[in-house]
Protein backbone atom coordinates (compact mmCIF):
# COMPACT_ATOMS: atom_id res chain seq x y z
CA MET A 1 -44.50 9.38 -47.47
CA THR A 2 -47.20 9.61 -44.82
CA PRO A 3 -50.06 7.09 -44.70
CA SER A 4 -52.54 9.70 -45.95
CA ALA A 5 -50.49 9.99 -49.15
CA ILE A 6 -50.67 6.29 -49.96
CA THR A 7 -52.34 5.46 -53.27
CA ALA A 8 -52.75 2.04 -54.79
CA SER A 9 -53.85 0.63 -58.13
CA SER A 10 -55.54 -2.72 -58.58
CA ASP A 11 -52.46 -4.03 -60.40
CA LEU A 12 -50.21 -3.02 -57.51
CA ILE A 13 -52.55 -4.66 -54.99
CA ALA A 14 -52.64 -7.89 -57.02
CA ALA A 15 -48.83 -7.87 -57.13
CA ARG A 16 -48.74 -7.88 -53.33
CA VAL A 17 -50.36 -11.31 -53.00
CA LEU A 18 -48.05 -13.49 -50.89
CA HIS A 19 -50.01 -16.74 -51.21
CA ARG A 20 -52.84 -17.95 -53.43
CA ASP A 21 -54.61 -21.27 -53.62
CA GLY A 22 -58.18 -22.32 -54.38
CA MET A 23 -59.32 -21.34 -50.91
CA VAL A 24 -57.13 -18.61 -49.44
CA LEU A 25 -55.35 -15.42 -50.42
CA VAL A 26 -52.80 -13.78 -48.15
CA LEU A 27 -52.07 -10.19 -49.10
CA ASP A 28 -49.22 -7.93 -47.98
CA LYS A 29 -51.39 -4.91 -47.21
CA PRO A 30 -49.55 -1.60 -47.49
CA ALA A 31 -49.62 0.80 -44.56
CA GLY A 32 -52.06 3.65 -45.14
CA LEU A 33 -54.67 1.65 -47.08
CA PRO A 34 -57.96 1.14 -45.22
CA VAL A 35 -59.62 -2.24 -45.67
CA HIS A 36 -63.20 -0.90 -45.46
CA PRO A 37 -64.86 2.35 -46.57
CA GLY A 38 -65.06 4.96 -43.82
CA PRO A 39 -66.85 8.27 -43.21
CA LYS A 40 -63.99 10.26 -44.76
CA GLY A 41 -64.23 8.41 -48.08
CA GLY A 42 -61.18 7.68 -50.19
CA THR A 43 -59.75 4.53 -51.76
CA THR A 44 -59.90 1.32 -49.74
CA LEU A 45 -58.92 -2.30 -50.29
CA HIS A 46 -62.61 -2.99 -50.91
CA ASP A 47 -62.29 -1.04 -54.18
CA HIS A 48 -59.66 -3.51 -55.47
CA LEU A 49 -61.18 -6.87 -54.55
CA ASP A 50 -62.28 -7.61 -58.13
CA ALA A 51 -58.61 -7.59 -59.13
CA LEU A 52 -58.05 -10.43 -56.64
CA ARG A 53 -60.53 -12.88 -58.18
CA PHE A 54 -57.83 -14.54 -60.34
CA GLY A 55 -60.37 -16.33 -62.51
CA LEU A 56 -62.97 -17.18 -59.87
CA PRO A 57 -66.53 -15.86 -60.33
CA ARG A 58 -66.66 -14.20 -56.89
CA ARG A 59 -64.42 -11.57 -55.39
CA PRO A 60 -62.62 -12.67 -52.22
CA GLU A 61 -63.75 -11.43 -48.81
CA LEU A 62 -61.79 -10.47 -45.70
CA ALA A 63 -61.43 -13.11 -43.01
CA HIS A 64 -60.25 -10.50 -40.47
CA ARG A 65 -59.06 -6.91 -40.60
CA LEU A 66 -56.00 -4.75 -40.10
CA ASP A 67 -55.99 -1.10 -39.09
CA LYS A 68 -55.46 1.38 -41.91
CA ASP A 69 -51.89 2.15 -40.88
CA THR A 70 -50.87 -1.45 -40.06
CA SER A 71 -49.01 -3.27 -42.83
CA GLY A 72 -48.53 -6.94 -43.61
CA CYS A 73 -50.37 -10.26 -43.78
CA LEU A 74 -54.10 -9.96 -44.43
CA VAL A 75 -56.12 -13.14 -45.03
CA LEU A 76 -59.02 -13.38 -47.50
CA GLY A 77 -61.31 -16.27 -48.38
CA ARG A 78 -61.97 -16.98 -52.07
CA HIS A 79 -65.46 -18.52 -51.85
CA PRO A 80 -68.28 -18.71 -49.27
CA LYS A 81 -67.22 -22.05 -47.75
CA ALA A 82 -63.64 -20.81 -47.33
CA ILE A 83 -64.78 -17.52 -45.84
CA ALA A 84 -66.98 -19.33 -43.31
CA LEU A 85 -64.11 -21.61 -42.27
CA LEU A 86 -61.61 -18.78 -41.96
CA ASN A 87 -64.03 -16.65 -39.95
CA LYS A 88 -64.51 -19.60 -37.59
CA LEU A 89 -60.76 -20.15 -37.19
CA PHE A 90 -60.14 -16.49 -36.37
CA ALA A 91 -63.11 -16.34 -33.98
CA GLU A 92 -61.90 -19.43 -32.13
CA GLY A 93 -58.33 -18.13 -31.84
CA ARG A 94 -56.89 -20.96 -33.94
CA VAL A 95 -54.89 -18.73 -36.29
CA GLY A 96 -51.31 -18.04 -35.28
CA LYS A 97 -50.47 -14.34 -35.65
CA THR A 98 -47.11 -12.64 -35.20
CA TYR A 99 -46.73 -8.88 -35.39
CA VAL A 100 -43.60 -6.76 -35.12
CA ALA A 101 -43.59 -3.26 -33.65
CA VAL A 102 -41.00 -0.60 -32.94
CA THR A 103 -41.80 1.02 -29.61
CA ARG A 104 -40.71 4.04 -27.63
CA GLY A 105 -39.16 2.40 -24.61
CA ALA A 106 -39.50 -1.30 -23.82
CA PRO A 107 -41.13 -3.54 -21.23
CA GLU A 108 -38.94 -5.01 -18.50
CA GLY A 109 -37.53 -8.46 -19.14
CA PRO A 110 -37.09 -10.41 -22.35
CA ALA A 111 -40.66 -11.69 -22.76
CA GLY A 112 -44.05 -11.80 -21.08
CA ARG A 113 -47.80 -11.73 -21.36
CA ILE A 114 -50.23 -8.81 -21.10
CA ASP A 115 -53.55 -9.99 -19.68
CA GLN A 116 -55.39 -6.70 -19.47
CA PRO A 117 -59.05 -6.02 -20.37
CA LEU A 118 -59.82 -3.23 -22.81
CA ALA A 119 -62.89 -1.07 -23.30
CA LYS A 120 -63.88 1.86 -25.48
CA ARG A 121 -62.57 5.16 -24.15
CA SER A 122 -65.80 6.90 -25.01
CA PRO A 123 -68.91 6.25 -27.10
CA HIS A 124 -67.99 9.45 -28.94
CA ARG A 125 -64.40 8.46 -29.85
CA GLY A 126 -65.00 5.64 -32.29
CA TRP A 127 -62.92 2.54 -31.58
CA TRP A 128 -60.26 4.15 -29.39
CA MET A 129 -59.58 1.74 -26.54
CA GLN A 130 -58.18 1.90 -23.03
CA ALA A 131 -57.08 -0.51 -20.31
CA VAL A 132 -59.73 -0.95 -17.60
CA PRO A 133 -60.08 -3.06 -14.44
CA PRO A 134 -61.68 -6.50 -14.89
CA GLY A 135 -65.44 -6.34 -14.60
CA SER A 136 -65.67 -2.70 -15.71
CA PRO A 137 -68.63 -1.78 -17.94
CA GLY A 138 -67.80 -2.73 -21.51
CA ALA A 139 -64.57 -4.52 -20.54
CA LEU A 140 -63.40 -7.19 -23.00
CA GLU A 141 -60.77 -9.83 -22.28
CA ALA A 142 -57.54 -9.04 -24.14
CA VAL A 143 -54.34 -11.11 -23.99
CA THR A 144 -51.05 -10.48 -25.82
CA ASP A 145 -47.73 -12.34 -25.64
CA TRP A 146 -44.58 -10.33 -26.35
CA GLN A 147 -40.87 -10.85 -26.83
CA VAL A 148 -38.20 -8.14 -27.12
CA LEU A 149 -36.02 -8.68 -30.20
CA LEU A 150 -33.82 -5.56 -29.97
CA ARG A 151 -33.25 -2.66 -27.58
CA ALA A 152 -31.44 0.46 -28.82
CA GLU A 153 -31.41 4.23 -28.25
CA GLY A 154 -34.64 4.41 -26.26
CA LEU A 155 -36.52 2.26 -28.79
CA ALA A 156 -37.23 -1.45 -28.99
CA VAL A 157 -38.24 -3.95 -31.64
CA ILE A 158 -40.86 -6.29 -30.20
CA ALA A 159 -42.57 -9.42 -31.54
CA LEU A 160 -46.23 -9.69 -30.53
CA SER A 161 -48.75 -12.51 -30.58
CA PRO A 162 -52.36 -11.46 -29.86
CA LEU A 163 -54.29 -14.36 -28.32
CA THR A 164 -57.53 -12.38 -28.58
CA GLY A 165 -58.65 -10.07 -31.38
CA ARG A 166 -59.78 -6.80 -29.84
CA THR A 167 -59.76 -3.57 -31.80
CA HIS A 168 -56.41 -1.73 -31.40
CA GLN A 169 -55.37 -4.46 -28.95
CA LEU A 170 -51.62 -4.32 -29.60
CA ARG A 171 -51.52 -0.54 -29.69
CA ALA A 172 -53.49 -0.16 -26.46
CA HIS A 173 -51.62 -2.95 -24.66
CA LEU A 174 -48.19 -1.52 -25.45
CA ALA A 175 -49.30 1.94 -24.39
CA TYR A 176 -50.54 0.38 -21.13
CA LEU A 177 -47.02 -1.01 -20.57
CA GLY A 178 -45.58 2.46 -21.11
CA CYS A 179 -43.96 1.69 -24.46
CA PRO A 180 -46.34 2.92 -27.19
CA ILE A 181 -45.73 2.05 -30.82
CA LEU A 182 -43.61 4.53 -32.75
CA GLY A 183 -45.78 6.70 -34.99
CA ASP A 184 -49.00 6.03 -33.03
CA ALA A 185 -50.77 9.37 -32.76
CA ILE A 186 -53.69 7.88 -30.79
CA TYR A 187 -51.86 5.94 -28.08
CA GLY A 188 -48.86 8.17 -27.50
CA GLY A 189 -46.09 6.96 -29.77
CA ALA A 190 -46.09 9.74 -32.37
CA SER A 191 -42.54 10.76 -33.24
CA ARG A 192 -40.40 11.96 -36.12
CA LEU A 193 -37.50 9.67 -35.35
CA PRO A 194 -35.93 7.70 -38.27
CA GLY A 195 -38.62 6.22 -40.46
CA GLY A 196 -40.93 9.21 -40.19
CA PRO A 197 -44.36 9.47 -38.51
CA MET A 198 -45.87 6.26 -39.93
CA LEU A 199 -47.18 3.65 -37.52
CA HIS A 200 -44.48 1.03 -36.91
CA LEU A 201 -46.74 -2.02 -36.61
CA HIS A 202 -46.51 -4.89 -39.08
CA SER A 203 -48.40 -8.18 -39.40
CA ARG A 204 -45.34 -10.33 -40.06
CA ARG A 205 -46.74 -13.87 -40.09
CA VAL A 206 -49.94 -15.92 -40.11
CA VAL A 207 -50.26 -19.65 -39.50
CA LEU A 208 -53.52 -21.11 -40.81
CA PRO A 209 -54.68 -24.69 -40.02
CA VAL A 210 -56.41 -25.09 -43.38
CA THR A 211 -54.39 -27.76 -45.19
CA ARG A 212 -55.86 -31.26 -45.42
CA SER A 213 -52.49 -32.97 -45.05
CA GLY A 214 -49.13 -31.98 -43.67
CA GLY A 215 -48.58 -28.91 -41.55
CA PRO A 216 -50.50 -25.63 -41.46
CA LEU A 217 -50.22 -22.92 -44.08
CA THR A 218 -47.58 -20.40 -42.95
CA VAL A 219 -47.13 -17.07 -44.74
CA ALA A 220 -44.82 -14.16 -43.87
CA ALA A 221 -44.71 -10.57 -45.15
CA PRO A 222 -41.38 -8.72 -45.42
CA PHE A 223 -40.88 -5.65 -43.25
CA PRO A 224 -42.10 -2.50 -45.03
CA ALA A 225 -39.64 0.23 -45.98
CA HIS A 226 -40.38 2.57 -43.07
CA LEU A 227 -39.92 -0.21 -40.51
CA ALA A 228 -36.72 -1.41 -42.18
CA GLU A 229 -35.37 2.17 -42.27
CA THR A 230 -35.87 2.63 -38.55
CA ILE A 231 -34.33 -0.76 -37.75
CA GLY A 232 -31.34 0.12 -39.91
CA ALA A 233 -30.91 3.42 -38.05
CA LEU A 234 -30.77 1.39 -34.82
CA ASP A 235 -28.01 -0.80 -36.33
CA GLY A 236 -30.39 -3.75 -36.42
CA ASP A 237 -30.34 -6.39 -39.14
CA VAL A 238 -33.71 -6.70 -40.87
CA ALA A 239 -33.29 -10.30 -42.04
CA SER A 240 -32.17 -11.46 -38.59
CA LEU A 241 -35.09 -9.73 -36.87
CA GLU A 242 -37.58 -11.16 -39.37
CA ALA A 243 -36.21 -14.63 -38.64
CA ALA A 244 -36.30 -14.03 -34.88
CA ALA A 245 -39.93 -12.90 -35.07
CA ASP A 246 -40.87 -16.03 -36.99
CA VAL A 247 -39.65 -18.32 -34.21
CA ALA A 248 -40.60 -16.12 -31.26
CA PHE A 249 -43.84 -17.99 -30.55
CA SER A 250 -43.22 -21.26 -32.34
CA GLY A 251 -42.96 -23.18 -29.07
């Protein structure tokens, strides 16, 4: 099923909640579901927020966003004070984020950091981004840590930790390295290899410093079916790669 064919009911969205407390919801967002209404119309997560109240008088609000075709952990605040705190944590870079991508090709070496500014390609191309020299007009600092988890048959499974939160940062950074994400029609990774044309980018894990005692709140989303199918075709073990991603940036 392609992302454009994705449909979702409020009951199905509510069933995808990974964590719920009085302050925070973490949702396993399906690939293909936009989080905000766009010019083309259609169903978005915004249409289902009332189903995520779970007894509170207000609907929850997004603390950050994921691209339409990116799956996995999406954080929402359940009341104004929580939303303000979460927005602050994300803005200050205090939320740990781990993504997993399948890429066409792989960077050299086992791990590294991409410190490469990004800017809009064109004022007429929406939020499409490109790597630009430091100091270029519109350039924004963008930093991503990466670790290769698996190499096989011209593809790679890579764990990613964005240290900044630029639009399309992971997609543009991997394309800059010459290993675009599989299924990415914008940045050069479109392919009909195992798993189909869907974007192979998943928000695996978030670490939120919101608890008053003990350690931070850590939530992980299982790999979606299309990502697991491709990994299986590469003779990779999904559970082992999920575990490897979870510890990739723990140090």
